């Protein structure tokens, strides 16, 4: 599983990254977590609102910080 977190390094972006890391740990799954902070790279992916999260190339969260429970549902295939 590949999880990409998009944001320029603001507090909300960092909080989303921490929530993703915690969700992955709690689920006990293996995932490559990549943080994308370059604004050009973010825009090239079509993301206009950060923070954002993609899972295996599919945009799952944009413009807000998802909590750990929501991320766990997304990663488990429930959302």
Protein backbone atom coordinates (compact mmCIF):
# COMPACT_ATOMS: atom_id res chain seq x y z
CA UNK A 1 0.00 0.00 0.00
CA UNK A 2 1.28 3.47 -0.90
CA UNK A 3 0.01 6.44 1.10
CA UNK A 4 0.89 9.92 -0.06
CA UNK A 5 0.36 12.94 2.16
CA UNK A 6 0.26 16.29 0.39
CA UNK A 7 0.94 19.58 2.13
CA UNK A 8 3.49 22.33 2.41
CA UNK A 9 4.53 21.48 5.96
CA UNK A 10 1.89 23.42 7.90
CA UNK A 11 0.54 22.22 11.25
CA UNK A 12 -2.53 20.62 9.66
CA UNK A 13 -0.35 18.74 7.19
CA UNK A 14 1.89 17.49 9.98
CA UNK A 15 -1.16 16.42 12.02
CA UNK A 16 -2.54 14.44 9.07
CA UNK A 17 0.85 12.74 8.64
CA UNK A 18 0.93 11.78 12.33
CA UNK A 19 -2.64 10.47 12.14
CA UNK A 20 -1.74 8.36 9.11
CA UNK A 21 1.33 6.93 10.86
CA UNK A 22 -0.73 6.11 13.95
CA UNK A 23 -3.51 4.48 11.92
CA UNK A 24 -1.01 2.31 10.03
CA UNK A 25 0.63 1.25 13.30
CA UNK A 26 -2.69 0.47 14.98
CA UNK A 27 -3.84 -1.60 12.01
CA UNK A 28 -0.51 -3.43 11.91
CA UNK A 29 -0.24 -3.06 8.15
CA UNK A 30 2.73 -2.39 5.92
CA UNK A 31 2.56 0.84 3.94
CA UNK A 32 4.95 3.16 2.17
CA UNK A 33 4.18 6.65 3.48
CA UNK A 34 5.42 9.48 1.29
CA UNK A 35 5.16 13.14 2.22
CA UNK A 36 4.91 15.50 -0.75
CA UNK A 37 5.67 19.11 0.21
CA UNK A 38 6.63 20.62 -3.15
CA UNK A 39 3.77 22.87 -4.24
CA UNK A 40 4.43 22.22 -7.94
CA UNK A 41 4.30 18.45 -7.40
CA UNK A 42 1.08 18.85 -5.40
CA UNK A 43 -0.56 20.92 -8.14
CA UNK A 44 0.69 18.53 -10.83
CA UNK A 45 -1.32 15.79 -9.11
CA UNK A 46 -4.46 17.96 -9.36
CA UNK A 47 -4.67 18.69 -5.65
CA UNK A 48 -5.96 22.18 -4.91
CA UNK A 49 -6.69 21.88 -1.17
CA UNK A 50 -4.22 20.65 1.42
CA UNK A 51 -3.70 18.72 3.49
CA UNK A 52 -4.62 15.79 1.27
CA UNK A 53 -4.10 12.05 1.29
CA UNK A 54 -3.96 9.55 -1.56
CA UNK A 55 -4.01 5.80 -1.13
CA UNK A 56 -2.62 3.82 -4.06
CA UNK A 57 -3.11 6.84 -6.33
CA UNK A 58 -6.72 7.52 -5.31
CA UNK A 59 -7.55 10.78 -3.53
CA UNK A 60 -9.25 9.97 -0.22
CA UNK A 61 -8.98 13.20 1.82
CA UNK A 62 -8.57 16.80 0.67
CA UNK A 63 -8.65 20.12 2.47
CA UNK A 64 -8.95 18.77 6.01
CA UNK A 65 -7.31 16.63 8.66
CA UNK A 66 -8.84 13.17 8.87
CA UNK A 67 -8.78 11.62 12.34
CA UNK A 68 -7.18 8.27 13.09
CA UNK A 69 -10.51 6.39 13.11
CA UNK A 70 -11.44 7.70 9.65
CA UNK A 71 -8.03 6.86 8.24
CA UNK A 72 -8.29 3.34 9.65
CA UNK A 73 -11.67 2.92 7.90
CA UNK A 74 -10.19 4.19 4.63
CA UNK A 75 -7.18 1.89 4.86
CA UNK A 76 -9.38 -1.07 5.75
CA UNK A 77 -11.51 -0.48 2.67
CA UNK A 78 -14.50 0.86 4.55
CA UNK A 79 -14.57 4.35 3.09
